[in-house]
Protein backbone atom coordinates (compact mmCIF):
# COMPACT_ATOMS: atom_id res chain seq x y z
CA MET A 1 -69.14 -22.72 6.92
CA GLY A 2 -69.41 -26.37 8.70
CA GLN A 3 -68.17 -27.76 5.34
CA SER A 4 -65.18 -25.38 5.14
CA ALA A 5 -64.07 -26.09 8.48
CA GLY A 6 -64.21 -29.97 7.70
CA ILE A 7 -61.54 -29.48 4.86
CA ALA A 8 -58.51 -30.84 6.17
CA ALA A 9 -55.20 -28.62 5.48
CA PRO A 10 -52.67 -30.35 2.92
CA ARG A 11 -49.81 -31.68 5.05
CA LEU A 12 -46.28 -31.15 4.07
CA LYS A 13 -44.47 -34.50 3.32
CA LYS A 14 -40.97 -35.35 4.43
CA PRO A 15 -38.78 -35.42 1.54
CA SER A 16 -37.81 -39.05 0.45
CA TRP A 17 -34.34 -39.63 -0.80
CA LYS A 18 -36.05 -40.85 -3.86
CA ASP A 19 -37.66 -37.80 -4.76
CA PRO A 20 -35.82 -36.76 -7.97
CA ARG A 21 -36.02 -33.20 -7.06
CA LEU A 22 -33.96 -33.90 -4.03
CA LEU A 23 -31.41 -35.87 -5.80
CA ILE A 24 -30.90 -33.23 -8.45
CA GLY A 25 -30.23 -30.70 -5.83
CA VAL A 26 -27.51 -32.74 -4.13
CA LEU A 27 -25.75 -33.51 -7.40
CA LEU A 28 -25.92 -29.74 -8.13
CA VAL A 29 -24.36 -28.89 -4.80
CA LEU A 30 -21.90 -31.83 -5.32
CA ALA A 31 -20.87 -30.36 -9.02
CA SER A 32 -20.44 -27.09 -7.75
CA ILE A 33 -18.02 -28.15 -4.61
CA SER A 34 -16.01 -30.20 -7.17
CA GLY A 35 -15.65 -27.11 -9.52
CA VAL A 36 -14.48 -24.88 -6.81
CA ILE A 37 -11.89 -27.31 -5.88
CA ALA A 38 -10.73 -27.90 -9.13
CA LEU A 39 -10.28 -24.29 -9.79
CA VAL A 40 -8.34 -23.54 -6.51
CA GLY A 41 -6.29 -26.53 -7.32
CA THR A 42 -5.47 -25.20 -10.62
CA ALA A 43 -4.78 -21.84 -9.48
CA ASP A 44 -2.27 -23.19 -6.95
CA ARG A 45 -0.20 -25.07 -9.45
CA THR A 46 2.69 -22.82 -8.87
CA THR A 47 6.51 -23.42 -8.78
CA GLN A 48 8.98 -21.78 -6.72
CA VAL A 49 11.76 -20.36 -9.34
CA TYR A 50 14.64 -18.22 -9.33
CA THR A 51 15.16 -14.81 -10.79
CA ALA A 52 18.35 -12.84 -11.10
CA ARG A 53 18.71 -10.33 -8.06
CA GLU A 54 20.75 -8.01 -10.17
CA ASP A 55 22.02 -8.15 -13.83
CA ILE A 56 24.09 -11.39 -14.32
CA ALA A 57 27.09 -10.99 -16.88
CA VAL A 58 28.47 -13.97 -18.94
CA GLY A 59 31.39 -15.65 -17.10
CA GLN A 60 29.96 -14.59 -13.87
CA VAL A 61 30.15 -17.46 -11.19
CA VAL A 62 26.30 -17.67 -9.86
CA THR A 63 25.37 -18.61 -6.60
CA GLU A 64 22.11 -18.67 -4.83
CA ALA A 65 23.16 -15.51 -3.21
CA ASP A 66 22.89 -13.77 -6.84
CA LEU A 67 19.24 -15.08 -6.95
CA SER A 68 15.65 -14.28 -5.63
CA ILE A 69 12.68 -16.75 -5.15
CA VAL A 70 9.35 -16.08 -6.85
CA LYS A 71 6.40 -18.26 -7.13
CA VAL A 72 4.93 -18.54 -10.92
CA ARG A 73 3.00 -20.81 -12.84
CA LEU A 74 5.00 -22.47 -15.96
CA ASP A 75 3.22 -25.47 -16.70
CA ASP A 76 4.81 -27.38 -19.64
CA VAL A 77 7.89 -25.03 -19.89
CA GLU A 78 8.75 -25.70 -16.02
CA SER A 79 11.70 -27.74 -17.01
CA SER A 80 13.40 -24.91 -19.08
CA TYR A 81 13.99 -22.71 -15.91
CA VAL A 82 15.96 -23.10 -12.57
CA THR A 83 13.73 -24.30 -9.95
CA VAL A 84 14.55 -24.18 -6.34
CA GLU A 85 13.60 -27.69 -5.97
CA ASN A 86 16.52 -28.60 -8.07
CA GLY A 87 18.88 -25.51 -6.77
CA VAL A 88 21.92 -24.26 -8.33
CA ALA A 89 24.89 -26.37 -8.60
CA GLU A 90 28.12 -25.32 -7.30
CA GLY A 91 30.74 -23.86 -9.92
CA LYS A 92 27.79 -22.55 -12.68
CA VAL A 93 28.77 -19.87 -14.49
CA ALA A 94 26.53 -17.82 -16.82
CA LEU A 95 26.80 -18.74 -20.32
CA GLN A 96 24.46 -15.79 -21.53
CA ARG A 97 23.39 -12.51 -19.93
CA VAL A 98 20.41 -12.61 -17.68
CA ALA A 99 18.70 -9.45 -16.67
CA LYS A 100 17.69 -8.32 -13.28
CA ASN A 101 14.22 -9.80 -12.41
CA GLN A 102 14.31 -12.30 -15.15
CA LEU A 103 13.72 -15.85 -14.68
CA VAL A 104 16.91 -17.91 -14.87
CA PRO A 105 16.87 -20.19 -17.70
CA GLN A 106 18.59 -23.61 -17.53
CA GLU A 107 20.59 -23.06 -20.71
CA SER A 108 21.61 -19.73 -19.13
CA LEU A 109 23.97 -21.74 -16.48
CA GLY A 110 26.87 -24.11 -17.23
CA VAL A 111 30.40 -25.04 -16.58
CA PRO A 112 33.34 -22.60 -17.28
CA ASP A 113 34.63 -24.75 -20.32
CA ALA A 114 31.14 -24.22 -22.08
CA LEU A 115 31.83 -20.50 -22.43
CA ASN A 116 32.24 -19.89 -26.22
CA ARG A 117 32.35 -15.89 -25.67
CA LYS A 118 34.80 -14.08 -23.36
CA PRO A 119 34.80 -10.51 -22.01
CA VAL A 120 37.55 -8.21 -23.57
CA ALA A 121 37.91 -4.70 -22.32
CA ILE A 122 37.83 -1.78 -24.88
CA ALA A 123 38.46 1.54 -23.62
CA THR A 124 36.84 4.50 -25.76
CA GLU A 125 37.03 8.13 -25.46
CA GLU A 126 33.93 8.34 -28.07
CA GLU A 127 30.67 9.01 -26.50
CA LEU A 128 28.23 6.24 -26.94
CA PRO A 129 24.18 6.63 -27.33
CA VAL A 130 22.22 5.71 -24.30
CA GLN A 131 21.15 2.50 -26.16
CA ALA A 132 24.46 0.89 -25.54
CA VAL A 133 23.76 -0.91 -22.21
CA PRO A 134 24.62 -4.38 -21.33
CA GLY A 135 22.81 -6.79 -23.70
CA ALA A 136 23.09 -4.67 -26.53
CA ARG A 137 24.90 -5.31 -29.80
CA VAL A 138 27.89 -3.07 -30.90
CA ASP A 139 30.22 -3.24 -33.98
CA VAL A 140 33.91 -3.05 -33.05
CA TRP A 141 35.81 -1.39 -36.05
CA ILE A 142 39.82 -1.02 -35.87
CA ALA A 143 42.35 1.35 -37.70
CA MET A 144 45.86 0.15 -37.62
CA PRO A 145 48.63 2.90 -37.26
CA GLY A 146 50.08 4.39 -40.70
CA SER A 147 52.59 6.56 -41.99
CA ASN A 148 52.75 10.27 -40.85
CA SER A 149 50.93 9.57 -37.65
CA ALA A 150 47.84 8.76 -39.28
CA PHE A 151 45.73 5.80 -39.26
CA ASP A 152 44.83 3.41 -42.26
CA GLU A 153 41.20 2.94 -43.21
CA PRO A 154 39.00 1.46 -40.52
CA GLN A 155 37.97 -2.13 -41.02
CA LEU A 156 35.11 -4.08 -39.32
CA LEU A 157 36.48 -6.62 -36.94
CA LEU A 158 33.67 -7.79 -34.76
CA PRO A 159 30.27 -7.34 -35.96
CA SER A 160 27.40 -7.23 -33.44
CA ALA A 161 29.33 -8.33 -30.35
CA GLU A 162 27.39 -8.33 -27.27
CA ILE A 163 28.06 -5.62 -24.43
CA ALA A 164 28.88 -7.43 -21.10
CA LEU A 165 29.42 -4.78 -19.02
CA MET A 166 30.16 -0.98 -19.03
CA THR A 167 32.32 0.96 -16.50
CA PRO A 168 33.41 4.60 -16.59
CA GLY A 169 37.25 5.41 -16.57
CA SER A 170 39.96 8.06 -17.25
CA THR A 171 43.02 8.24 -19.36
CA ALA A 172 46.62 7.74 -17.41
CA PHE A 173 46.52 11.32 -16.66
CA GLY A 174 42.88 11.95 -16.04
CA SER A 175 42.74 14.61 -18.77
CA ALA A 176 39.89 12.69 -20.67
CA LYS A 177 37.10 10.76 -19.78
CA THR A 178 36.96 7.09 -21.28
CA THR A 179 34.22 4.31 -20.93
CA VAL A 180 35.60 0.70 -20.66
CA VAL A 181 33.16 -1.36 -22.70
CA MET A 182 33.40 -5.31 -22.10
CA VAL A 183 32.44 -6.75 -25.32
CA LEU A 184 31.94 -10.63 -25.72
CA VAL A 185 34.28 -12.33 -28.10
CA THR A 186 34.45 -15.79 -29.45
CA ASP A 187 37.50 -17.90 -29.40
CA GLU A 188 38.08 -17.53 -33.20
CA GLN A 189 37.76 -13.66 -33.18
CA MET A 190 39.90 -13.32 -30.00
CA PRO A 191 43.46 -13.35 -31.92
CA LYS A 192 42.52 -10.49 -34.39
CA LEU A 193 41.35 -8.28 -31.56
CA LEU A 194 44.24 -8.71 -29.16
CA TRP A 195 46.73 -8.57 -32.16
CA ALA A 196 44.84 -5.07 -33.06
CA GLN A 197 45.36 -3.83 -29.53
CA ALA A 198 48.83 -4.96 -29.20
CA ASN A 199 49.79 -2.90 -32.28
CA LYS A 200 48.26 0.36 -31.04
CA ALA A 201 45.38 0.20 -33.47
CA LYS A 202 42.51 2.53 -32.95
CA VAL A 203 39.68 0.76 -31.61
CA SER A 204 36.05 2.18 -32.05
CA VAL A 205 32.79 0.87 -30.79
CA VAL A 206 29.56 1.71 -32.80
CA TRP A 207 26.09 0.89 -31.51
CA ASN A 208 24.44 -1.53 -33.67
CA PRO A 209 20.47 -1.09 -33.57
CA ALA A 210 19.83 -4.01 -35.78
CA GLY A 211 21.58 -6.17 -33.32
CA VAL A 212 22.35 -8.85 -36.25
CA VAL A 213 25.63 -10.26 -37.61
CA ARG A 214 25.77 -8.58 -41.14
């Protein structure tokens, strides 16, 4: 028993900076902190960009009042969209349609002289399918007045024309419901359509589900 009492309990040594276990622990802590900082920094690489507050039609003058601001992560494609930092220059118009809540591409805005399609109103009493909405494609057919109050055989005038806007209307006497379809027409196609309308051709709008020029 005396011998047992004489045995001294081992003392805990104060760790030294030269202790490899302590160094490894410090390195692990530092690596963990660096990883968290890098992760947070990566997650916060967002950019304030503009989205369309409502549908923006081709030819519409676009101001910041027409836009909303969202924060998104774009990385390498950031230059393709209109950012809040760069803003919207005065006098810009929509060169292509931008749907509600969509990001605004840089190529969708430009000067009026850059417009290569212009909206033309076509009134129709024919019922259009629900798929015929702004942004959809339609074929525009014309039938010229013939003899005996009849019309000549219809001809395809505008294949796959884009709808810019649709508004309900009525005839001059209010006896029939009409729909005014604004279709986008190129400068090359414009004279033919205006000539047909001026000569009282029957103009028909047909939804084109393929959405391509045939």
